[in-house]
N, C-alpha and C. Protein backbone atom coordinates (compact mmCIF):
# COMPACT_ATOMS: atom_id res chain seq x y z
N UNK A 1 12.42 4.19 -7.31
CA UNK A 1 12.75 4.62 -5.97
C UNK A 1 13.85 3.71 -5.45
N UNK A 2 14.84 4.31 -4.79
CA UNK A 2 15.90 3.50 -4.20
C UNK A 2 15.65 3.35 -2.69
N UNK A 3 16.50 2.58 -2.03
CA UNK A 3 16.32 2.29 -0.60
C UNK A 3 16.34 3.56 0.24
N UNK A 4 17.21 4.50 -0.09
CA UNK A 4 17.30 5.74 0.69
C UNK A 4 15.98 6.50 0.64
N UNK A 5 15.41 6.64 -0.55
CA UNK A 5 14.12 7.34 -0.68
C UNK A 5 13.01 6.57 0.03
N UNK A 6 13.03 5.24 -0.08
CA UNK A 6 11.99 4.44 0.56
C UNK A 6 12.06 4.58 2.09
N UNK A 7 13.26 4.51 2.63
CA UNK A 7 13.42 4.68 4.09
C UNK A 7 12.95 6.07 4.50
N UNK A 8 13.21 7.07 3.69
CA UNK A 8 12.73 8.42 3.96
C UNK A 8 11.20 8.44 4.04
N UNK A 9 10.54 7.74 3.12
CA UNK A 9 9.07 7.65 3.15
C UNK A 9 8.62 6.96 4.43
N UNK A 10 9.28 5.87 4.79
CA UNK A 10 8.91 5.15 6.01
C UNK A 10 9.05 6.05 7.24
N UNK A 11 10.15 6.78 7.31
CA UNK A 11 10.39 7.63 8.48
C UNK A 11 9.48 8.85 8.52
N UNK A 12 9.17 9.40 7.35
CA UNK A 12 8.41 10.65 7.32
C UNK A 12 6.92 10.47 7.04
N UNK A 13 6.50 9.24 6.73
CA UNK A 13 5.07 9.00 6.49
C UNK A 13 4.55 7.86 7.37
N UNK A 14 5.21 6.70 7.31
CA UNK A 14 4.72 5.56 8.08
C UNK A 14 4.75 5.83 9.59
N UNK A 15 5.90 6.22 10.11
CA UNK A 15 6.01 6.41 11.56
C UNK A 15 5.06 7.50 12.07
N UNK A 16 5.01 8.69 11.44
CA UNK A 16 4.06 9.70 11.91
C UNK A 16 2.59 9.26 11.77
N UNK A 17 2.27 8.54 10.70
CA UNK A 17 0.89 8.06 10.53
C UNK A 17 0.53 7.06 11.62
N UNK A 18 1.44 6.17 11.93
CA UNK A 18 1.21 5.19 12.99
C UNK A 18 0.98 5.90 14.32
N UNK A 19 1.82 6.87 14.62
CA UNK A 19 1.68 7.63 15.87
C UNK A 19 0.35 8.37 15.91
N UNK A 20 -0.03 8.98 14.79
CA UNK A 20 -1.30 9.72 14.75
C UNK A 20 -2.49 8.79 14.93
N UNK A 21 -2.42 7.60 14.34
CA UNK A 21 -3.54 6.66 14.43
C UNK A 21 -3.63 5.98 15.79
N UNK A 22 -2.49 5.61 16.35
CA UNK A 22 -2.50 4.79 17.55
C UNK A 22 -1.96 5.49 18.79
N UNK A 23 -1.49 6.73 18.65
CA UNK A 23 -1.00 7.48 19.79
C UNK A 23 0.22 6.86 20.43
N UNK A 24 0.98 6.12 19.66
CA UNK A 24 2.12 5.40 20.21
C UNK A 24 3.25 5.44 19.18
N UNK A 25 4.46 5.52 19.67
CA UNK A 25 5.60 5.49 18.76
C UNK A 25 6.28 4.13 18.76
N UNK A 26 5.84 3.23 19.64
CA UNK A 26 6.44 1.90 19.73
C UNK A 26 5.78 0.97 18.71
N UNK A 27 6.54 0.59 17.71
CA UNK A 27 6.00 -0.27 16.67
C UNK A 27 6.39 -1.73 16.88
N UNK A 28 6.91 -2.05 18.06
CA UNK A 28 7.31 -3.42 18.37
C UNK A 28 6.12 -4.36 18.17
N UNK A 29 6.30 -5.36 17.34
CA UNK A 29 5.24 -6.33 17.09
C UNK A 29 4.33 -5.98 15.94
N UNK A 30 4.50 -4.79 15.37
CA UNK A 30 3.68 -4.40 14.22
C UNK A 30 4.07 -5.27 13.03
N UNK A 31 3.09 -5.70 12.28
CA UNK A 31 3.34 -6.48 11.05
C UNK A 31 3.11 -5.56 9.86
N UNK A 32 4.02 -5.61 8.91
CA UNK A 32 3.99 -4.71 7.76
C UNK A 32 4.05 -5.52 6.48
N UNK A 33 3.27 -5.10 5.50
CA UNK A 33 3.24 -5.77 4.21
C UNK A 33 3.82 -4.85 3.15
N UNK A 34 4.69 -5.41 2.35
CA UNK A 34 5.22 -4.69 1.20
C UNK A 34 5.51 -5.72 0.13
N UNK A 35 5.61 -5.27 -1.11
CA UNK A 35 5.90 -6.23 -2.17
C UNK A 35 7.41 -6.44 -2.25
N UNK A 36 7.84 -7.07 -3.29
CA UNK A 36 9.26 -7.44 -3.40
C UNK A 36 10.05 -6.49 -4.29
N UNK A 37 9.64 -5.23 -4.34
CA UNK A 37 10.39 -4.24 -5.11
C UNK A 37 11.82 -4.18 -4.57
N UNK A 38 12.80 -3.93 -5.43
CA UNK A 38 14.19 -3.90 -4.98
C UNK A 38 14.44 -2.97 -3.78
N UNK A 39 13.80 -1.80 -3.76
CA UNK A 39 14.03 -0.89 -2.63
C UNK A 39 13.44 -1.44 -1.34
N UNK A 40 12.44 -2.32 -1.44
CA UNK A 40 11.84 -2.93 -0.25
C UNK A 40 12.73 -4.04 0.31
N UNK A 41 13.47 -4.71 -0.55
CA UNK A 41 14.28 -5.85 -0.14
C UNK A 41 15.75 -5.49 0.09
N UNK A 42 16.11 -4.23 -0.12
CA UNK A 42 17.51 -3.80 0.05
C UNK A 42 17.96 -4.04 1.49
N UNK A 43 19.23 -4.34 1.66
CA UNK A 43 19.78 -4.62 2.99
C UNK A 43 19.53 -3.45 3.95
N UNK A 44 19.69 -2.22 3.47
CA UNK A 44 19.47 -1.05 4.33
C UNK A 44 18.02 -0.98 4.79
N UNK A 45 17.10 -1.29 3.89
CA UNK A 45 15.68 -1.26 4.24
C UNK A 45 15.36 -2.35 5.25
N UNK A 46 15.86 -3.55 5.02
CA UNK A 46 15.61 -4.65 5.95
C UNK A 46 16.18 -4.32 7.33
N UNK A 47 17.35 -3.69 7.36
CA UNK A 47 17.94 -3.28 8.64
C UNK A 47 17.05 -2.24 9.33
N UNK A 48 16.47 -1.32 8.56
CA UNK A 48 15.59 -0.30 9.14
C UNK A 48 14.40 -0.95 9.83
N UNK A 49 13.80 -1.95 9.18
CA UNK A 49 12.66 -2.65 9.80
C UNK A 49 13.09 -3.36 11.08
N UNK A 50 14.25 -4.02 11.05
CA UNK A 50 14.73 -4.70 12.27
C UNK A 50 14.96 -3.69 13.39
N UNK A 51 15.62 -2.57 13.07
CA UNK A 51 15.91 -1.54 14.08
C UNK A 51 14.64 -0.96 14.68
N UNK A 52 13.56 -0.93 13.91
CA UNK A 52 12.29 -0.38 14.39
C UNK A 52 11.33 -1.46 14.88
N UNK A 53 11.85 -2.70 15.01
CA UNK A 53 11.07 -3.84 15.55
C UNK A 53 9.77 -4.07 14.80
N UNK A 54 9.81 -3.90 13.48
CA UNK A 54 8.64 -4.12 12.64
C UNK A 54 8.80 -5.45 11.92
N UNK A 55 7.83 -6.33 12.11
CA UNK A 55 7.86 -7.64 11.48
C UNK A 55 7.32 -7.54 10.06
N UNK A 56 8.05 -8.11 9.11
CA UNK A 56 7.61 -8.11 7.72
C UNK A 56 6.92 -9.42 7.39
N UNK A 57 5.79 -9.31 6.71
CA UNK A 57 5.08 -10.49 6.24
C UNK A 57 5.71 -10.95 4.93
N UNK A 58 5.86 -12.25 4.76
CA UNK A 58 6.33 -12.77 3.48
C UNK A 58 5.29 -12.43 2.42
N UNK A 59 5.76 -12.09 1.24
CA UNK A 59 4.85 -11.68 0.19
C UNK A 59 5.24 -12.34 -1.11
N UNK A 60 4.34 -13.12 -1.71
CA UNK A 60 4.69 -13.77 -2.98
C UNK A 60 4.87 -12.76 -4.11
N UNK A 61 5.80 -13.07 -5.00
CA UNK A 61 6.03 -12.20 -6.15
C UNK A 61 4.81 -12.18 -7.06
N UNK A 62 4.63 -11.10 -7.78
CA UNK A 62 3.55 -10.97 -8.77
C UNK A 62 2.19 -11.32 -8.17
N UNK A 63 1.83 -10.64 -7.08
CA UNK A 63 0.57 -10.98 -6.40
C UNK A 63 -0.33 -9.76 -6.20
N UNK A 64 -0.71 -9.07 -7.27
CA UNK A 64 -1.56 -7.89 -7.10
C UNK A 64 -2.93 -8.22 -6.50
N UNK A 65 -3.39 -9.48 -6.65
CA UNK A 65 -4.67 -9.85 -6.06
C UNK A 65 -4.66 -9.68 -4.55
N UNK A 66 -3.49 -9.79 -3.95
CA UNK A 66 -3.38 -9.74 -2.50
C UNK A 66 -2.99 -8.37 -1.98
N UNK A 67 -2.88 -7.41 -2.86
CA UNK A 67 -2.37 -6.10 -2.46
C UNK A 67 -3.47 -5.04 -2.55
N UNK A 68 -4.03 -4.63 -1.40
CA UNK A 68 -5.13 -3.66 -1.43
C UNK A 68 -4.81 -2.36 -2.15
N UNK A 69 -3.55 -1.91 -2.11
CA UNK A 69 -3.23 -0.63 -2.75
C UNK A 69 -3.44 -0.72 -4.26
N UNK A 70 -3.22 -1.90 -4.85
CA UNK A 70 -3.45 -2.05 -6.29
C UNK A 70 -4.92 -1.78 -6.63
N UNK A 71 -5.80 -2.22 -5.76
CA UNK A 71 -7.23 -2.01 -5.99
C UNK A 71 -7.62 -0.57 -5.68
N UNK A 72 -6.90 0.06 -4.77
CA UNK A 72 -7.14 1.47 -4.49
C UNK A 72 -6.74 2.31 -5.71
N UNK A 73 -5.63 1.93 -6.35
CA UNK A 73 -5.23 2.64 -7.58
C UNK A 73 -6.32 2.47 -8.64
N UNK A 74 -6.90 1.27 -8.73
CA UNK A 74 -7.98 1.03 -9.70
C UNK A 74 -9.19 1.91 -9.42
N UNK A 75 -9.54 2.04 -8.15
CA UNK A 75 -10.66 2.91 -7.76
C UNK A 75 -10.36 4.36 -8.15
N UNK A 76 -9.14 4.80 -7.88
CA UNK A 76 -8.74 6.16 -8.24
C UNK A 76 -8.80 6.36 -9.76
N UNK A 77 -8.33 5.38 -10.53
CA UNK A 77 -8.39 5.48 -11.99
C UNK A 77 -9.83 5.62 -12.48
N UNK A 78 -10.74 4.83 -11.90
CA UNK A 78 -12.15 4.92 -12.32
C UNK A 78 -12.72 6.29 -12.02
N UNK A 79 -12.36 6.87 -10.89
CA UNK A 79 -12.85 8.21 -10.54
C UNK A 79 -12.28 9.26 -11.50
N UNK A 80 -11.02 9.11 -11.86
CA UNK A 80 -10.35 10.08 -12.73
C UNK A 80 -10.89 10.00 -14.16
N UNK A 81 -11.22 8.81 -14.63
CA UNK A 81 -11.70 8.64 -16.01
C UNK A 81 -13.01 9.37 -16.28
N UNK A 82 -13.71 9.75 -15.25
CA UNK A 82 -14.98 10.48 -15.43
C UNK A 82 -14.75 11.92 -15.90
N UNK A 83 -13.52 12.36 -15.89
CA UNK A 83 -13.21 13.76 -16.16
C UNK A 83 -12.31 13.90 -17.39
N UNK A 84 -12.31 15.08 -17.95
CA UNK A 84 -11.35 15.41 -19.00
C UNK A 84 -10.44 16.50 -18.45
N UNK A 85 -9.25 16.56 -18.98
CA UNK A 85 -8.25 17.49 -18.45
C UNK A 85 -7.63 18.30 -19.57
N UNK A 86 -7.41 19.57 -19.28
CA UNK A 86 -6.83 20.47 -20.27
C UNK A 86 -5.32 20.31 -20.36
N UNK A 87 -4.71 19.94 -19.22
CA UNK A 87 -3.26 19.83 -19.18
C UNK A 87 -2.84 18.94 -18.00
N UNK A 88 -1.55 18.74 -17.90
CA UNK A 88 -1.00 17.88 -16.86
C UNK A 88 -1.29 18.42 -15.46
N UNK A 89 -1.21 19.72 -15.29
CA UNK A 89 -1.47 20.32 -13.97
C UNK A 89 -2.92 20.11 -13.55
N UNK A 90 -3.83 20.19 -14.50
CA UNK A 90 -5.24 19.94 -14.23
C UNK A 90 -5.44 18.49 -13.75
N UNK A 91 -4.77 17.56 -14.42
CA UNK A 91 -4.83 16.16 -14.02
C UNK A 91 -4.26 15.97 -12.61
N UNK A 92 -3.10 16.56 -12.35
CA UNK A 92 -2.49 16.44 -11.02
C UNK A 92 -3.40 16.98 -9.93
N UNK A 93 -4.01 18.12 -10.19
CA UNK A 93 -4.92 18.72 -9.21
C UNK A 93 -6.07 17.78 -8.91
N UNK A 94 -6.65 17.22 -9.97
CA UNK A 94 -7.79 16.33 -9.79
C UNK A 94 -7.38 15.05 -9.07
N UNK A 95 -6.20 14.52 -9.39
CA UNK A 95 -5.71 13.33 -8.70
C UNK A 95 -5.59 13.59 -7.20
N UNK A 96 -5.02 14.74 -6.85
CA UNK A 96 -4.91 15.08 -5.42
C UNK A 96 -6.28 15.18 -4.76
N UNK A 97 -7.21 15.82 -5.45
CA UNK A 97 -8.57 15.96 -4.91
C UNK A 97 -9.22 14.61 -4.70
N UNK A 98 -9.13 13.74 -5.70
CA UNK A 98 -9.75 12.42 -5.59
C UNK A 98 -9.06 11.57 -4.53
N UNK A 99 -7.73 11.66 -4.45
CA UNK A 99 -7.00 10.91 -3.42
C UNK A 99 -7.45 11.36 -2.03
N UNK A 100 -7.51 12.67 -1.84
CA UNK A 100 -7.92 13.21 -0.54
C UNK A 100 -9.38 12.92 -0.21
N UNK A 101 -10.18 12.66 -1.23
CA UNK A 101 -11.60 12.37 -1.02
C UNK A 101 -11.87 10.89 -0.73
N UNK A 102 -10.84 10.04 -0.90
CA UNK A 102 -11.03 8.62 -0.58
C UNK A 102 -11.41 8.51 0.90
N UNK A 103 -12.38 7.66 1.17
CA UNK A 103 -12.88 7.56 2.54
C UNK A 103 -12.24 6.39 3.28
N UNK A 104 -12.34 6.47 4.58
CA UNK A 104 -11.89 5.38 5.43
C UNK A 104 -12.63 4.10 5.03
N UNK A 105 -13.92 4.22 4.78
CA UNK A 105 -14.73 3.04 4.45
C UNK A 105 -14.26 2.40 3.14
N UNK A 106 -13.91 3.22 2.14
CA UNK A 106 -13.42 2.65 0.87
C UNK A 106 -12.13 1.86 1.11
N UNK A 107 -11.23 2.42 1.89
CA UNK A 107 -9.96 1.74 2.18
C UNK A 107 -10.20 0.50 3.03
N UNK A 108 -11.03 0.64 4.04
CA UNK A 108 -11.30 -0.47 4.95
C UNK A 108 -11.99 -1.63 4.23
N UNK A 109 -12.85 -1.32 3.28
CA UNK A 109 -13.53 -2.35 2.50
C UNK A 109 -12.51 -3.22 1.75
N UNK A 110 -11.49 -2.56 1.20
CA UNK A 110 -10.44 -3.31 0.50
C UNK A 110 -9.67 -4.20 1.46
N UNK A 111 -9.35 -3.68 2.63
CA UNK A 111 -8.62 -4.48 3.62
C UNK A 111 -9.48 -5.65 4.09
N UNK A 112 -10.76 -5.39 4.34
CA UNK A 112 -11.66 -6.45 4.81
C UNK A 112 -11.85 -7.55 3.76
N UNK A 113 -11.60 -7.23 2.50
CA UNK A 113 -11.76 -8.23 1.44
C UNK A 113 -10.57 -9.19 1.35
N UNK A 114 -9.51 -8.93 2.10
CA UNK A 114 -8.31 -9.77 1.99
C UNK A 114 -8.56 -11.25 2.26
N UNK A 115 -9.32 -11.64 3.29
CA UNK A 115 -9.54 -13.08 3.47
C UNK A 115 -10.15 -13.75 2.24
N UNK A 116 -11.10 -13.09 1.59
CA UNK A 116 -11.69 -13.65 0.37
C UNK A 116 -10.66 -13.73 -0.75
N UNK A 117 -9.84 -12.72 -0.86
CA UNK A 117 -8.80 -12.71 -1.89
C UNK A 117 -7.81 -13.84 -1.68
N UNK A 118 -7.40 -14.01 -0.42
CA UNK A 118 -6.44 -15.06 -0.09
C UNK A 118 -7.03 -16.42 -0.43
N UNK A 119 -8.28 -16.64 -0.04
CA UNK A 119 -8.95 -17.92 -0.36
C UNK A 119 -9.02 -18.14 -1.86
N UNK A 120 -9.33 -17.09 -2.61
CA UNK A 120 -9.43 -17.22 -4.07
C UNK A 120 -8.08 -17.56 -4.69
N UNK A 121 -7.00 -16.95 -4.20
CA UNK A 121 -5.66 -17.23 -4.72
C UNK A 121 -5.27 -18.67 -4.40
N UNK A 122 -5.58 -19.12 -3.18
CA UNK A 122 -5.27 -20.51 -2.80
C UNK A 122 -6.06 -21.47 -3.68
N UNK A 123 -7.35 -21.19 -3.85
CA UNK A 123 -8.20 -22.06 -4.68
C UNK A 123 -7.69 -22.12 -6.12
N UNK A 124 -7.21 -20.98 -6.62
CA UNK A 124 -6.70 -20.91 -8.00
C UNK A 124 -5.25 -21.38 -8.09
N UNK A 125 -4.70 -21.85 -6.96
CA UNK A 125 -3.31 -22.32 -6.89
C UNK A 125 -2.35 -21.27 -7.44
N UNK A 126 -2.61 -20.02 -7.05
CA UNK A 126 -1.75 -18.92 -7.46
C UNK A 126 -2.08 -18.34 -8.82
N UNK A 127 -3.08 -18.90 -9.47
CA UNK A 127 -3.46 -18.41 -10.80
C UNK A 127 -4.37 -17.20 -10.73
N UNK A 128 -4.98 -16.90 -11.84
CA UNK A 128 -5.85 -15.73 -11.97
C UNK A 128 -7.10 -15.89 -11.12
N UNK A 129 -7.52 -14.79 -10.51
CA UNK A 129 -8.76 -14.77 -9.74
C UNK A 129 -9.63 -13.63 -10.25
N UNK A 130 -10.84 -13.52 -9.72
CA UNK A 130 -11.72 -12.42 -10.13
C UNK A 130 -11.23 -11.08 -9.58
N UNK A 131 -10.30 -11.12 -8.65
CA UNK A 131 -9.80 -9.89 -8.05
C UNK A 131 -8.68 -9.30 -8.88
């Protein structure tokens, strides 16, 4: 994904989702986490965040332990492995179904685990953790 596509995702997914959740379009003071993918660090992307008054959290490289979405992908993989698929379309359909079936509680549990993850990473001095 390049910066143009990423900004498109931010404008067409992040902003509407924020408005739907909080009933507000003002993101001033919002803190946002992203990894260090090139499209995330591109000058155009950084300018977009500044223009929308969104504060970016510093994020260490190679830190999947600290990234809840990585664990959400793992949960999705475990759900998908329970099934067999006849073809690619069957797999895609099931992926959509499982993604849409993810609950608020499943997502929130991952977010709530962040303090423990952070402590584990600090204790391991950036090394491997159980997460």
